[in-house]
Amino acid sequence: MYRWVVFMHIAATFGFLLAHGVQAAVMLKFRVEADPERSLTLFNVLPRLRLVRLTTVLIVITGLIAGFMLNWWRQGWLWASLALLIVITVLMARYGSGYFGMIAGSAARAVEAGKRGPDMDAFNAARTAWHPIGMTVVGVGGFAVILWLMMFKPF
């Protein structure tokens, strides 16, 4: 039974990475897309957040079940992994979602203003903000630390 739980944990992680990878690619594309109208069309390729949320819940549930099946719940690495996942989720929700909102709002205003003036300046400032790089570091770095904790169980 334990192998099936781990299988589900890994499968949910693959699903999460697949869905979230599209969001990350779009977020990085915004940095180089200077046309606000084209930026708005990039929102059409984003997957529904339901898939990301569902896979996140499956990752947590299967991870906790696996942790309790082999009494790993007594070890610190399991709780450190869960705490790190919560921190990453909060940061992504605040700054990653905020970035998408900044792009959508500023691009829409720039298109309405004829792609010139202060609205275009606001769009350029939004698309070159630190969010894509920062969120990439948080996401990839955090994922690597969680993977390290799960593989090596240092404490």
C-alpha atoms as a PDB file:
ATOM      1  CA  MET A   1       0.000   0.000   0.000  1.00  0.00           C
ATOM      2  CA  TYR A   2       2.873   2.347   0.827  1.00  0.00           C
ATOM      3  CA  ARG A   3       4.229   2.116  -2.730  1.00  0.00           C
ATOM      4  CA  TRP A   4       0.823   3.164  -4.116  1.00  0.00           C
ATOM      5  CA  VAL A   5       0.723   6.186  -1.832  1.00  0.00           C
ATOM      6  CA  VAL A   6       4.220   7.210  -2.912  1.00  0.00           C
ATOM      7  CA  PHE A   7       3.225   6.618  -6.537  1.00  0.00           C
ATOM      8  CA  MET A   8       0.234   8.953  -6.081  1.00  0.00           C
ATOM      9  CA  HIS A   9       2.488  11.508  -4.362  1.00  0.00           C
ATOM     10  CA  ILE A  10       4.931  11.505  -7.272  1.00  0.00           C
ATOM     11  CA  ALA A  11       2.147  11.489  -9.895  1.00  0.00           C
ATOM     12  CA  ALA A  12       0.500  14.480  -8.206  1.00  0.00           C
ATOM     13  CA  THR A  13       3.872  16.237  -8.190  1.00  0.00           C
ATOM     14  CA  PHE A  14       4.267  15.633 -11.935  1.00  0.00           C
ATOM     15  CA  GLY A  15       0.771  16.996 -12.527  1.00  0.00           C
ATOM     16  CA  PHE A  16       1.568  20.043 -10.428  1.00  0.00           C
ATOM     17  CA  LEU A  17       4.825  20.690 -12.266  1.00  0.00           C
ATOM     18  CA  LEU A  18       3.141  20.312 -15.634  1.00  0.00           C
ATOM     19  CA  ALA A  19       0.342  22.759 -14.824  1.00  0.00           C
ATOM     20  CA  HIS A  20       2.569  25.171 -12.959  1.00  0.00           C
ATOM     21  CA  GLY A  21       5.282  25.014 -15.607  1.00  0.00           C
ATOM     22  CA  VAL A  22       2.938  26.638 -18.108  1.00  0.00           C
ATOM     23  CA  GLN A  23       2.270  29.457 -15.644  1.00  0.00           C
ATOM     24  CA  ALA A  24       5.994  29.933 -15.065  1.00  0.00           C
ATOM     25  CA  ALA A  25       6.716  30.016 -18.797  1.00  0.00           C
ATOM     26  CA  VAL A  26       4.017  32.630 -19.369  1.00  0.00           C
ATOM     27  CA  MET A  27       5.280  34.691 -16.440  1.00  0.00           C
ATOM     28  CA  LEU A  28       8.788  34.705 -17.909  1.00  0.00           C
ATOM     29  CA  LYS A  29       7.415  35.497 -21.390  1.00  0.00           C
ATOM     30  CA  PHE A  30       5.769  38.655 -20.039  1.00  0.00           C
ATOM     31  CA  ARG A  31       9.225  40.083 -19.337  1.00  0.00           C
ATOM     32  CA  VAL A  32      10.163  40.084 -23.027  1.00  0.00           C
ATOM     33  CA  GLU A  33       6.743  40.802 -24.588  1.00  0.00           C
ATOM     34  CA  ALA A  34       6.664  44.552 -25.192  1.00  0.00           C
ATOM     35  CA  ASP A  35       3.219  44.631 -26.837  1.00  0.00           C
ATOM     36  CA  PRO A  36       0.451  44.908 -24.227  1.00  0.00           C
ATOM     37  CA  GLU A  37      -2.132  43.452 -26.601  1.00  0.00           C
ATOM     38  CA  ARG A  38      -0.044  40.332 -27.177  1.00  0.00           C
ATOM     39  CA  SER A  39       0.570  40.093 -23.433  1.00  0.00           C
ATOM     40  CA  LEU A  40      -3.164  39.965 -22.856  1.00  0.00           C
ATOM     41  CA  THR A  41      -3.471  37.041 -25.274  1.00  0.00           C
ATOM     42  CA  LEU A  42      -0.938  35.062 -23.208  1.00  0.00           C
ATOM     43  CA  PHE A  43      -3.559  34.794 -20.468  1.00  0.00           C
ATOM     44  CA  ASN A  44      -5.507  32.484 -22.804  1.00  0.00           C
ATOM     45  CA  VAL A  45      -2.922  29.703 -22.458  1.00  0.00           C
ATOM     46  CA  LEU A  46      -2.842  29.673 -18.662  1.00  0.00           C
ATOM     47  CA  PRO A  47      -4.275  26.525 -17.079  1.00  0.00           C
ATOM     48  CA  ARG A  48      -7.056  26.850 -14.542  1.00  0.00           C
ATOM     49  CA  LEU A  49      -5.821  27.297 -11.002  1.00  0.00           C
ATOM     50  CA  ARG A  50      -8.105  24.429  -9.995  1.00  0.00           C
ATOM     51  CA  LEU A  51      -5.600  21.950 -11.399  1.00  0.00           C
ATOM     52  CA  VAL A  52      -2.705  23.519  -9.480  1.00  0.00           C
ATOM     53  CA  ARG A  53      -4.750  23.583  -6.269  1.00  0.00           C
ATOM     54  CA  LEU A  54      -5.993  20.017  -6.708  1.00  0.00           C
ATOM     55  CA  THR A  55      -2.515  18.635  -7.290  1.00  0.00           C
ATOM     56  CA  THR A  56      -1.181  20.632  -4.328  1.00  0.00           C
ATOM     57  CA  VAL A  57      -3.831  19.114  -2.064  1.00  0.00           C
ATOM     58  CA  LEU A  58      -3.025  15.628  -3.412  1.00  0.00           C
ATOM     59  CA  ILE A  59       0.685  16.188  -2.806  1.00  0.00           C
ATOM     60  CA  VAL A  60       0.067  17.211   0.812  1.00  0.00           C
ATOM     61  CA  ILE A  61      -2.430  14.423   1.554  1.00  0.00           C
ATOM     62  CA  THR A  62      -0.371  11.633   0.009  1.00  0.00           C
ATOM     63  CA  GLY A  63       2.822  12.991   1.577  1.00  0.00           C
ATOM     64  CA  LEU A  64       1.270  13.026   5.031  1.00  0.00           C
ATOM     65  CA  ILE A  65      -0.248   9.567   4.565  1.00  0.00           C
ATOM     66  CA  ALA A  66       3.140   8.189   3.493  1.00  0.00           C
ATOM     67  CA  GLY A  67       4.786   9.948   6.425  1.00  0.00           C
ATOM     68  CA  PHE A  68       2.394   8.399   8.898  1.00  0.00           C
ATOM     69  CA  MET A  69       2.552   4.949   7.290  1.00  0.00           C
ATOM     70  CA  LEU A  70       6.264   4.611   8.086  1.00  0.00           C
ATOM     71  CA  ASN A  71       6.275   6.752  11.258  1.00  0.00           C
ATOM     72  CA  TRP A  72       8.271   9.509   9.600  1.00  0.00           C
ATOM     73  CA  TRP A  73       5.929  12.013  11.206  1.00  0.00           C
ATOM     74  CA  ARG A  74       8.310  11.858  14.197  1.00  0.00           C
ATOM     75  CA  GLN A  75      11.200  13.146  12.093  1.00  0.00           C
ATOM     76  CA  GLY A  76      11.835  16.827  11.499  1.00  0.00           C
ATOM     77  CA  TRP A  77      12.425  16.627   7.754  1.00  0.00           C
ATOM     78  CA  LEU A  78       8.750  15.821   7.107  1.00  0.00           C
ATOM     79  CA  TRP A  79       7.514  18.865   9.022  1.00  0.00           C
ATOM     80  CA  ALA A  80      10.251  21.078   7.572  1.00  0.00           C
ATOM     81  CA  SER A  81       9.118  20.016   4.077  1.00  0.00           C
ATOM     82  CA  LEU A  82       5.504  20.819   4.886  1.00  0.00           C
ATOM     83  CA  ALA A  83       6.438  24.188   6.440  1.00  0.00           C
ATOM     84  CA  LEU A  84       8.554  25.051   3.404  1.00  0.00           C
ATOM     85  CA  LEU A  85       5.699  24.116   1.065  1.00  0.00           C
ATOM     86  CA  ILE A  86       3.380  26.437   3.015  1.00  0.00           C
ATOM     87  CA  VAL A  87       5.893  29.310   2.840  1.00  0.00           C
ATOM     88  CA  ILE A  88       6.380  28.780  -0.907  1.00  0.00           C
ATOM     89  CA  THR A  89       2.609  28.652  -1.451  1.00  0.00           C
ATOM     90  CA  VAL A  90       2.059  31.907   0.463  1.00  0.00           C
ATOM     91  CA  LEU A  91       4.857  33.684  -1.416  1.00  0.00           C
ATOM     92  CA  MET A  92       3.625  32.426  -4.779  1.00  0.00           C
ATOM     93  CA  ALA A  93       0.038  33.398  -4.034  1.00  0.00           C
ATOM     94  CA  ARG A  94       1.020  36.878  -2.944  1.00  0.00           C
ATOM     95  CA  TYR A  95       3.740  37.812  -5.398  1.00  0.00           C
ATOM     96  CA  GLY A  96       3.136  35.461  -8.334  1.00  0.00           C
ATOM     97  CA  SER A  97      -0.589  36.159  -8.526  1.00  0.00           C
ATOM     98  CA  GLY A  98       0.098  39.822  -7.882  1.00  0.00           C
ATOM     99  CA  TYR A  99       2.375  39.902 -10.902  1.00  0.00           C
ATOM    100  CA  PHE A 100      -0.300  38.430 -13.163  1.00  0.00           C
ATOM    101  CA  GLY A 101      -2.724  41.062 -11.855  1.00  0.00           C
ATOM    102  CA  MET A 102      -0.217  43.865 -12.487  1.00  0.00           C
ATOM    103  CA  ILE A 103       0.350  42.715 -16.055  1.00  0.00           C
ATOM    104  CA  ALA A 104      -3.343  42.245 -16.833  1.00  0.00           C
ATOM    105  CA  GLY A 105      -4.348  45.641 -15.430  1.00  0.00           C
ATOM    106  CA  SER A 106      -1.503  47.660 -16.905  1.00  0.00           C
ATOM    107  CA  ALA A 107      -1.732  45.930 -20.312  1.00  0.00           C
ATOM    108  CA  ALA A 108      -5.486  46.551 -20.527  1.00  0.00           C
ATOM    109  CA  ARG A 109      -5.023  50.241 -19.635  1.00  0.00           C
ATOM    110  CA  ALA A 110      -2.154  50.590 -22.148  1.00  0.00           C
ATOM    111  CA  VAL A 111      -4.279  49.075 -24.938  1.00  0.00           C
ATOM    112  CA  GLU A 112      -7.155  51.437 -24.086  1.00  0.00           C
ATOM    113  CA  ALA A 113      -4.755  54.410 -24.154  1.00  0.00           C
ATOM    114  CA  GLY A 114      -3.463  53.491 -27.606  1.00  0.00           C
ATOM    115  CA  LYS A 115      -0.184  51.995 -26.359  1.00  0.00           C
ATOM    116  CA  ARG A 116       1.357  55.305 -25.336  1.00  0.00           C
ATOM    117  CA  GLY A 117       1.727  57.644 -22.434  1.00  0.00           C
ATOM    118  CA  PRO A 118       1.862  56.858 -18.732  1.00  0.00           C
ATOM    119  CA  ASP A 119      -0.216  53.706 -19.165  1.00  0.00           C
ATOM    120  CA  MET A 120       2.430  52.258 -21.469  1.00  0.00           C
ATOM    121  CA  ASP A 121       5.125  53.265 -18.978  1.00  0.00           C
ATOM    122  CA  ALA A 122       3.198  51.466 -16.218  1.00  0.00           C
ATOM    123  CA  PHE A 123       2.915  48.369 -18.428  1.00  0.00           C
ATOM    124  CA  ASN A 124       6.671  48.381 -19.123  1.00  0.00           C
ATOM    125  CA  ALA A 125       7.409  48.805 -15.416  1.00  0.00           C
ATOM    126  CA  ALA A 126       5.081  45.908 -14.581  1.00  0.00           C
ATOM    127  CA  ARG A 127       6.486  43.522 -17.145  1.00  0.00           C
ATOM    128  CA  THR A 128      10.089  44.179 -16.083  1.00  0.00           C
ATOM    129  CA  ALA A 129       9.358  43.849 -12.345  1.00  0.00           C
ATOM    130  CA  TRP A 130      11.356  41.434 -10.227  1.00  0.00           C
ATOM    131  CA  HIS A 131       8.481  38.984  -9.726  1.00  0.00           C
ATOM    132  CA  PRO A 132       9.274  36.396 -12.455  1.00  0.00           C
ATOM    133  CA  ILE A 133      12.900  36.023 -11.400  1.00  0.00           C
ATOM    134  CA  GLY A 134      12.119  36.074  -7.692  1.00  0.00           C
ATOM    135  CA  MET A 135       9.295  33.565  -8.004  1.00  0.00           C
ATOM    136  CA  THR A 136      11.460  31.285 -10.145  1.00  0.00           C
ATOM    137  CA  VAL A 137      14.156  31.307  -7.471  1.00  0.00           C
ATOM    138  CA  VAL A 138      11.589  30.670  -4.712  1.00  0.00           C
ATOM    139  CA  GLY A 139       9.827  27.909  -6.664  1.00  0.00           C
ATOM    140  CA  VAL A 140      12.816  26.043  -8.052  1.00  0.00           C
ATOM    141  CA  GLY A 141      14.973  26.587  -4.957  1.00  0.00           C
ATOM    142  CA  GLY A 142      12.171  25.601  -2.595  1.00  0.00           C
ATOM    143  CA  PHE A 143      11.322  22.531  -4.653  1.00  0.00           C
ATOM    144  CA  ALA A 144      14.997  21.493  -4.638  1.00  0.00           C
ATOM    145  CA  VAL A 145      15.202  21.857  -0.842  1.00  0.00           C
ATOM    146  CA  ILE A 146      11.999  19.825  -0.348  1.00  0.00           C
ATOM    147  CA  LEU A 147      13.338  17.138  -2.681  1.00  0.00           C
ATOM    148  CA  TRP A 148      16.631  17.105  -0.750  1.00  0.00           C
ATOM    149  CA  LEU A 149      14.761  16.753   2.553  1.00  0.00           C
ATOM    150  CA  MET A 150      12.687  13.851   1.199  1.00  0.00           C
ATOM    151  CA  MET A 151      15.626  12.034  -0.367  1.00  0.00           C
ATOM    152  CA  PHE A 152      18.228  12.419   2.392  1.00  0.00           C
ATOM    153  CA  LYS A 153      16.034  12.841   5.511  1.00  0.00           C
ATOM    154  CA  PRO A 154      18.766  14.790   7.334  1.00  0.00           C
ATOM    155  CA  PHE A 155      16.904  15.123  10.626  1.00  0.00           C
END
